[in-house]
């Protein structure tokens, strides 16, 4: 039971954190890259959503083939890799690549984590777990 709650919390938290953290980070883009344009900032912010749409689009069929747990682990790997790329990005283009990878993870997690929870949770707590997942998205 604690494992299911952890999956719900981590999946939702990563989704919410990775989509919301860019708001604070973009305040420092000009310090890091003095010549950055408003269009580049807009693309940095929005490219994660493009990746999320793509990740969500394909995650269901992939999880049917290889399993929900493996796809969730893959999404977690994407979160980690994307975060490391963004943390050490020397250029705006590399930062965008990191954001795109994060977006893939967000899309996958947003599709598969609630699905996995609804499939494996006991009937008595199924709704609570899925609601907890959604709550952690907004809390982050």
N, C-alpha and C. Protein backbone atom coordinates (compact mmCIF):
# COMPACT_ATOMS: atom_id res chain seq x y z
N UNK A 1 0.82 -1.19 0.00
CA UNK A 1 0.00 0.00 0.00
C UNK A 1 0.87 1.26 0.00
N UNK A 2 1.91 1.28 0.83
CA UNK A 2 2.79 2.44 0.89
C UNK A 2 3.49 2.66 -0.45
N UNK A 3 3.75 1.57 -1.14
CA UNK A 3 4.40 1.68 -2.45
C UNK A 3 3.47 2.38 -3.46
N UNK A 4 2.19 2.07 -3.42
CA UNK A 4 1.24 2.73 -4.31
C UNK A 4 1.13 4.22 -4.01
N UNK A 5 1.11 4.55 -2.74
CA UNK A 5 1.05 5.96 -2.35
C UNK A 5 2.31 6.69 -2.82
N UNK A 6 3.45 6.01 -2.70
CA UNK A 6 4.71 6.61 -3.16
C UNK A 6 4.70 6.86 -4.66
N UNK A 7 4.19 5.90 -5.42
CA UNK A 7 4.11 6.06 -6.87
C UNK A 7 3.20 7.23 -7.22
N UNK A 8 2.07 7.32 -6.53
CA UNK A 8 1.14 8.41 -6.78
C UNK A 8 1.79 9.75 -6.46
N UNK A 9 2.49 9.82 -5.34
CA UNK A 9 3.10 11.07 -4.90
C UNK A 9 4.25 11.48 -5.81
N UNK A 10 5.14 10.56 -6.10
CA UNK A 10 6.32 10.89 -6.91
C UNK A 10 5.91 11.23 -8.34
N UNK A 11 5.02 10.43 -8.93
CA UNK A 11 4.58 10.70 -10.29
C UNK A 11 3.94 12.07 -10.42
N UNK A 12 3.05 12.39 -9.51
CA UNK A 12 2.38 13.69 -9.54
C UNK A 12 3.32 14.83 -9.22
N UNK A 13 4.18 14.64 -8.23
CA UNK A 13 5.10 15.70 -7.83
C UNK A 13 6.06 16.06 -8.97
N UNK A 14 6.64 15.04 -9.61
CA UNK A 14 7.57 15.31 -10.71
C UNK A 14 6.88 16.03 -11.86
N UNK A 15 5.67 15.63 -12.15
CA UNK A 15 4.89 16.28 -13.20
C UNK A 15 4.70 17.75 -12.85
N UNK A 16 4.20 18.04 -11.66
CA UNK A 16 3.94 19.42 -11.25
C UNK A 16 5.20 20.25 -11.12
N UNK A 17 6.22 19.67 -10.53
CA UNK A 17 7.47 20.41 -10.32
C UNK A 17 8.13 20.76 -11.64
N UNK A 18 8.25 19.79 -12.52
CA UNK A 18 8.95 20.02 -13.77
C UNK A 18 8.21 20.97 -14.71
N UNK A 19 6.91 21.05 -14.61
CA UNK A 19 6.19 22.01 -15.44
C UNK A 19 6.14 23.40 -14.80
N UNK A 20 6.26 23.47 -13.50
CA UNK A 20 6.17 24.76 -12.81
C UNK A 20 7.49 25.44 -12.49
N UNK A 21 8.57 24.69 -12.38
CA UNK A 21 9.84 25.24 -11.94
C UNK A 21 10.43 26.23 -12.94
N UNK A 22 10.04 26.12 -14.18
CA UNK A 22 10.61 27.00 -15.20
C UNK A 22 10.23 28.46 -14.97
N UNK A 23 9.12 28.70 -14.30
CA UNK A 23 8.70 30.09 -14.05
C UNK A 23 9.74 30.85 -13.22
N UNK A 24 10.28 30.20 -12.23
CA UNK A 24 11.32 30.85 -11.42
C UNK A 24 12.68 30.87 -12.11
N UNK A 25 12.95 29.84 -12.88
CA UNK A 25 14.25 29.74 -13.55
C UNK A 25 14.41 30.78 -14.65
N UNK A 26 13.32 31.12 -15.33
CA UNK A 26 13.46 32.04 -16.45
C UNK A 26 13.87 33.46 -16.03
N UNK A 27 13.75 33.75 -14.75
CA UNK A 27 14.21 35.05 -14.26
C UNK A 27 15.72 35.20 -14.39
N UNK A 28 16.44 34.08 -14.44
CA UNK A 28 17.90 34.10 -14.48
C UNK A 28 18.47 33.79 -15.86
N UNK A 29 17.62 33.60 -16.86
CA UNK A 29 18.11 33.32 -18.21
C UNK A 29 19.01 34.44 -18.73
N UNK A 30 18.61 35.69 -18.50
CA UNK A 30 19.37 36.83 -19.01
C UNK A 30 20.75 36.90 -18.34
N UNK A 31 20.84 36.49 -17.08
CA UNK A 31 22.14 36.48 -16.40
C UNK A 31 23.08 35.45 -17.03
N UNK A 32 22.52 34.31 -17.40
CA UNK A 32 23.32 33.23 -17.97
C UNK A 32 23.62 33.46 -19.44
N UNK A 33 22.61 33.88 -20.18
CA UNK A 33 22.74 34.13 -21.62
C UNK A 33 22.26 35.55 -21.91
N UNK A 34 23.15 36.54 -21.85
CA UNK A 34 22.74 37.95 -21.99
C UNK A 34 22.01 38.27 -23.30
N UNK A 35 22.26 37.54 -24.35
CA UNK A 35 21.64 37.85 -25.63
C UNK A 35 20.34 37.10 -25.90
N UNK A 36 19.78 36.44 -24.89
CA UNK A 36 18.57 35.63 -25.09
C UNK A 36 17.39 36.53 -25.47
N UNK A 37 16.59 36.05 -26.41
CA UNK A 37 15.43 36.82 -26.88
C UNK A 37 14.15 36.33 -26.20
N UNK A 38 13.12 37.12 -26.31
CA UNK A 38 11.82 36.73 -25.75
C UNK A 38 11.28 35.48 -26.45
N UNK A 39 11.53 35.36 -27.74
CA UNK A 39 11.10 34.17 -28.48
C UNK A 39 11.80 32.92 -27.98
N UNK A 40 13.08 33.03 -27.68
CA UNK A 40 13.82 31.88 -27.15
C UNK A 40 13.30 31.49 -25.76
N UNK A 41 13.00 32.48 -24.94
CA UNK A 41 12.44 32.19 -23.62
C UNK A 41 11.09 31.49 -23.76
N UNK A 42 10.27 31.98 -24.66
CA UNK A 42 8.96 31.36 -24.88
C UNK A 42 9.11 29.92 -25.36
N UNK A 43 10.07 29.67 -26.23
CA UNK A 43 10.29 28.32 -26.71
C UNK A 43 10.84 27.41 -25.62
N UNK A 44 11.72 27.92 -24.78
CA UNK A 44 12.23 27.12 -23.66
C UNK A 44 11.08 26.69 -22.76
N UNK A 45 10.18 27.60 -22.47
CA UNK A 45 9.05 27.29 -21.60
C UNK A 45 8.09 26.31 -22.27
N UNK A 46 7.77 26.54 -23.53
CA UNK A 46 6.73 25.75 -24.18
C UNK A 46 7.19 24.43 -24.75
N UNK A 47 8.48 24.25 -24.96
CA UNK A 47 8.95 23.01 -25.59
C UNK A 47 8.68 21.79 -24.70
N UNK A 48 8.64 21.99 -23.41
CA UNK A 48 8.30 20.87 -22.51
C UNK A 48 6.86 20.40 -22.75
N UNK A 49 5.98 21.33 -23.05
CA UNK A 49 4.59 20.96 -23.32
C UNK A 49 4.46 20.21 -24.64
N UNK A 50 5.28 20.57 -25.61
CA UNK A 50 5.31 19.83 -26.87
C UNK A 50 5.78 18.40 -26.61
N UNK A 51 6.83 18.26 -25.82
CA UNK A 51 7.32 16.93 -25.45
C UNK A 51 6.29 16.14 -24.67
N UNK A 52 5.54 16.82 -23.80
CA UNK A 52 4.51 16.14 -23.01
C UNK A 52 3.40 15.61 -23.91
N UNK A 53 3.02 16.38 -24.90
CA UNK A 53 1.99 15.92 -25.83
C UNK A 53 2.45 14.68 -26.59
N UNK A 54 3.68 14.69 -27.02
CA UNK A 54 4.23 13.54 -27.74
C UNK A 54 4.35 12.33 -26.81
N UNK A 55 4.87 12.55 -25.60
CA UNK A 55 5.01 11.46 -24.64
C UNK A 55 3.68 10.83 -24.27
N UNK A 56 2.67 11.64 -24.06
CA UNK A 56 1.35 11.12 -23.71
C UNK A 56 0.72 10.38 -24.88
N UNK A 57 1.00 10.84 -26.07
CA UNK A 57 0.41 10.23 -27.26
C UNK A 57 0.86 8.78 -27.46
N UNK A 58 2.12 8.51 -27.17
CA UNK A 58 2.67 7.18 -27.44
C UNK A 58 2.79 6.29 -26.21
N UNK A 59 2.65 6.83 -25.02
CA UNK A 59 2.91 6.05 -23.81
C UNK A 59 1.91 4.92 -23.59
N UNK A 60 0.66 5.12 -23.96
CA UNK A 60 -0.35 4.08 -23.75
C UNK A 60 -0.05 2.83 -24.55
N UNK A 61 0.22 2.98 -25.84
CA UNK A 61 0.49 1.81 -26.66
C UNK A 61 1.80 1.13 -26.28
N UNK A 62 2.79 1.93 -25.88
CA UNK A 62 4.06 1.33 -25.45
C UNK A 62 3.87 0.56 -24.15
N UNK A 63 3.09 1.12 -23.23
CA UNK A 63 2.88 0.43 -21.95
C UNK A 63 2.06 -0.85 -22.12
N UNK A 64 1.21 -0.89 -23.14
CA UNK A 64 0.48 -2.14 -23.43
C UNK A 64 1.45 -3.24 -23.87
N UNK A 65 2.51 -2.85 -24.54
CA UNK A 65 3.48 -3.84 -25.04
C UNK A 65 4.51 -4.26 -23.99
N UNK A 66 5.05 -3.28 -23.25
CA UNK A 66 6.16 -3.64 -22.34
C UNK A 66 5.78 -3.58 -20.86
N UNK A 67 4.63 -3.05 -20.54
CA UNK A 67 4.18 -3.01 -19.15
C UNK A 67 4.23 -1.62 -18.54
N UNK A 68 3.31 -1.38 -17.61
CA UNK A 68 3.18 -0.07 -16.98
C UNK A 68 4.40 0.29 -16.13
N UNK A 69 4.88 -0.67 -15.34
CA UNK A 69 6.02 -0.38 -14.45
C UNK A 69 7.25 0.05 -15.23
N UNK A 70 7.55 -0.65 -16.31
CA UNK A 70 8.73 -0.30 -17.12
C UNK A 70 8.59 1.08 -17.73
N UNK A 71 7.40 1.42 -18.14
CA UNK A 71 7.18 2.75 -18.73
C UNK A 71 7.29 3.83 -17.66
N UNK A 72 6.81 3.57 -16.46
CA UNK A 72 6.95 4.54 -15.37
C UNK A 72 8.43 4.73 -15.03
N UNK A 73 9.17 3.65 -14.98
CA UNK A 73 10.62 3.75 -14.71
C UNK A 73 11.30 4.55 -15.83
N UNK A 74 10.90 4.29 -17.07
CA UNK A 74 11.47 5.04 -18.19
C UNK A 74 11.16 6.53 -18.06
N UNK A 75 9.96 6.87 -17.65
CA UNK A 75 9.60 8.28 -17.44
C UNK A 75 10.48 8.90 -16.35
N UNK A 76 10.73 8.14 -15.29
CA UNK A 76 11.61 8.63 -14.22
C UNK A 76 13.04 8.85 -14.72
N UNK A 77 13.50 7.96 -15.58
CA UNK A 77 14.83 8.14 -16.18
C UNK A 77 14.86 9.41 -17.04
N UNK A 78 13.79 9.64 -17.79
CA UNK A 78 13.71 10.86 -18.61
C UNK A 78 13.74 12.11 -17.73
N UNK A 79 13.03 12.08 -16.60
CA UNK A 79 13.06 13.21 -15.66
C UNK A 79 14.49 13.47 -15.21
N UNK A 80 15.19 12.41 -14.85
CA UNK A 80 16.56 12.54 -14.33
C UNK A 80 17.51 13.05 -15.41
N UNK A 81 17.48 12.42 -16.57
CA UNK A 81 18.37 12.82 -17.66
C UNK A 81 18.09 14.26 -18.09
N UNK A 82 16.82 14.57 -18.27
CA UNK A 82 16.46 15.93 -18.67
C UNK A 82 16.90 16.98 -17.65
N UNK A 83 16.75 16.66 -16.39
CA UNK A 83 17.17 17.59 -15.33
C UNK A 83 18.67 17.80 -15.34
N UNK A 84 19.43 16.72 -15.52
CA UNK A 84 20.89 16.85 -15.58
C UNK A 84 21.33 17.67 -16.79
N UNK A 85 20.70 17.43 -17.92
CA UNK A 85 21.04 18.20 -19.12
C UNK A 85 20.75 19.68 -18.88
N UNK A 86 19.61 19.99 -18.29
CA UNK A 86 19.27 21.39 -18.03
C UNK A 86 20.22 22.01 -17.01
N UNK A 87 20.60 21.25 -16.00
CA UNK A 87 21.46 21.80 -14.95
C UNK A 87 22.84 22.18 -15.49
N UNK A 88 23.31 21.43 -16.46
CA UNK A 88 24.66 21.68 -16.99
C UNK A 88 24.66 22.19 -18.42
N UNK A 89 23.56 22.78 -18.85
CA UNK A 89 23.46 23.21 -20.25
C UNK A 89 24.33 24.44 -20.51
N UNK A 90 25.26 24.30 -21.44
CA UNK A 90 26.13 25.44 -21.76
C UNK A 90 25.49 26.42 -22.75
N UNK A 91 24.46 25.96 -23.46
CA UNK A 91 23.82 26.82 -24.47
C UNK A 91 22.31 26.75 -24.33
N UNK A 92 21.66 27.68 -24.99
CA UNK A 92 20.20 27.72 -25.00
C UNK A 92 19.65 26.47 -25.69
N UNK A 93 20.29 26.04 -26.76
CA UNK A 93 19.83 24.85 -27.49
C UNK A 93 19.87 23.60 -26.61
N UNK A 94 20.92 23.46 -25.83
CA UNK A 94 21.03 22.30 -24.94
C UNK A 94 19.96 22.38 -23.85
N UNK A 95 19.69 23.56 -23.36
CA UNK A 95 18.61 23.74 -22.38
C UNK A 95 17.27 23.31 -22.97
N UNK A 96 17.04 23.66 -24.22
CA UNK A 96 15.80 23.26 -24.89
C UNK A 96 15.71 21.75 -25.05
N UNK A 97 16.82 21.10 -25.34
CA UNK A 97 16.83 19.65 -25.44
C UNK A 97 16.46 19.02 -24.10
N UNK A 98 17.03 19.56 -23.02
CA UNK A 98 16.68 19.07 -21.69
C UNK A 98 15.21 19.27 -21.37
N UNK A 99 14.67 20.42 -21.74
CA UNK A 99 13.24 20.67 -21.52
C UNK A 99 12.36 19.73 -22.33
N UNK A 100 12.77 19.42 -23.55
CA UNK A 100 12.02 18.49 -24.39
C UNK A 100 12.01 17.09 -23.77
N UNK A 101 13.16 16.67 -23.28
CA UNK A 101 13.24 15.35 -22.63
C UNK A 101 12.37 15.32 -21.38
N UNK A 102 12.42 16.38 -20.59
CA UNK A 102 11.55 16.49 -19.42
C UNK A 102 10.09 16.40 -19.85
N UNK A 103 9.76 17.06 -20.94
CA UNK A 103 8.40 17.02 -21.45
C UNK A 103 7.95 15.61 -21.80
N UNK A 104 8.82 14.83 -22.43
CA UNK A 104 8.48 13.43 -22.71
C UNK A 104 8.12 12.70 -21.41
N UNK A 105 8.95 12.90 -20.39
CA UNK A 105 8.69 12.26 -19.09
C UNK A 105 7.38 12.72 -18.47
N UNK A 106 7.09 14.01 -18.57
CA UNK A 106 5.84 14.56 -18.04
C UNK A 106 4.64 13.93 -18.74
N UNK A 107 4.70 13.86 -20.06
CA UNK A 107 3.59 13.29 -20.82
C UNK A 107 3.37 11.83 -20.49
N UNK A 108 4.45 11.09 -20.39
CA UNK A 108 4.34 9.67 -20.05
C UNK A 108 3.77 9.51 -18.66
N UNK A 109 4.31 10.26 -17.70
CA UNK A 109 3.83 10.13 -16.31
C UNK A 109 2.36 10.54 -16.18
N UNK A 110 1.97 11.57 -16.90
CA UNK A 110 0.58 12.04 -16.78
C UNK A 110 -0.40 11.03 -17.34
N UNK A 111 0.04 10.20 -18.25
CA UNK A 111 -0.83 9.19 -18.84
C UNK A 111 -0.79 7.87 -18.06
N UNK A 112 0.40 7.43 -17.72
CA UNK A 112 0.56 6.06 -17.22
C UNK A 112 0.40 5.94 -15.70
N UNK A 113 0.87 6.91 -14.94
CA UNK A 113 0.78 6.78 -13.47
C UNK A 113 -0.67 6.65 -13.00
N UNK A 114 -1.60 7.53 -13.41
CA UNK A 114 -2.98 7.33 -12.98
C UNK A 114 -3.59 6.02 -13.48
N UNK A 115 -3.21 5.62 -14.69
CA UNK A 115 -3.70 4.36 -15.23
C UNK A 115 -3.21 3.18 -14.40
N UNK A 116 -1.92 3.18 -14.09
CA UNK A 116 -1.34 2.11 -13.27
C UNK A 116 -2.00 2.07 -11.89
N UNK A 117 -2.15 3.23 -11.29
CA UNK A 117 -2.78 3.28 -9.96
C UNK A 117 -4.20 2.74 -10.00
N UNK A 118 -4.96 3.10 -11.02
CA UNK A 118 -6.35 2.63 -11.09
C UNK A 118 -6.43 1.14 -11.36
N UNK A 119 -5.40 0.56 -11.96
CA UNK A 119 -5.41 -0.87 -12.24
C UNK A 119 -4.99 -1.72 -11.05
N UNK A 120 -4.07 -1.22 -10.23
CA UNK A 120 -3.53 -2.06 -9.16
C UNK A 120 -4.07 -1.73 -7.77
N UNK A 121 -4.68 -0.58 -7.60
CA UNK A 121 -5.17 -0.19 -6.28
C UNK A 121 -6.43 -0.96 -5.91
N UNK A 122 -6.54 -1.31 -4.64
CA UNK A 122 -7.79 -1.92 -4.19
C UNK A 122 -8.96 -0.96 -4.42
N UNK A 123 -10.12 -1.52 -4.67
CA UNK A 123 -11.31 -0.72 -4.99
C UNK A 123 -11.58 0.33 -3.92
N UNK A 124 -11.36 0.00 -2.65
CA UNK A 124 -11.70 0.91 -1.55
C UNK A 124 -10.90 2.21 -1.59
N UNK A 125 -9.67 2.18 -2.14
CA UNK A 125 -8.84 3.39 -2.11
C UNK A 125 -8.46 3.88 -3.51
N UNK A 126 -9.00 3.28 -4.52
CA UNK A 126 -8.62 3.64 -5.90
C UNK A 126 -8.82 5.12 -6.18
N UNK A 127 -9.96 5.62 -5.89
CA UNK A 127 -10.25 7.04 -6.15
C UNK A 127 -9.36 7.96 -5.33
N UNK A 128 -9.10 7.59 -4.08
CA UNK A 128 -8.24 8.41 -3.23
C UNK A 128 -6.82 8.48 -3.78
N UNK A 129 -6.29 7.36 -4.27
CA UNK A 129 -4.93 7.35 -4.80
C UNK A 129 -4.82 8.20 -6.06
N UNK A 130 -5.76 8.06 -6.95
CA UNK A 130 -5.72 8.86 -8.18
C UNK A 130 -5.90 10.34 -7.84
N UNK A 131 -6.77 10.66 -6.90
CA UNK A 131 -6.96 12.04 -6.47
C UNK A 131 -5.69 12.58 -5.81
N UNK A 132 -5.00 11.73 -5.05
CA UNK A 132 -3.75 12.13 -4.41
C UNK A 132 -2.70 12.45 -5.47
N UNK A 133 -2.67 11.65 -6.51
CA UNK A 133 -1.75 11.92 -7.63
C UNK A 133 -2.02 13.29 -8.24
N UNK A 134 -3.27 13.61 -8.47
CA UNK A 134 -3.64 14.92 -9.05
C UNK A 134 -3.31 16.04 -8.06
N UNK A 135 -3.54 15.80 -6.78
CA UNK A 135 -3.24 16.82 -5.77
C UNK A 135 -1.75 17.14 -5.72
N UNK A 136 -0.90 16.11 -5.86
CA UNK A 136 0.54 16.38 -5.81
C UNK A 136 1.02 17.14 -7.05
N UNK A 137 0.30 17.01 -8.15
CA UNK A 137 0.63 17.80 -9.35
C UNK A 137 0.45 19.29 -9.03
N UNK A 138 -0.66 19.63 -8.42
CA UNK A 138 -0.96 21.03 -8.15
C UNK A 138 -0.21 21.58 -6.95
N UNK A 139 0.14 20.73 -6.00
CA UNK A 139 0.88 21.18 -4.82
C UNK A 139 2.31 21.55 -5.18
N UNK A 140 2.90 20.78 -6.10
CA UNK A 140 4.29 21.04 -6.50
C UNK A 140 4.35 22.37 -7.17
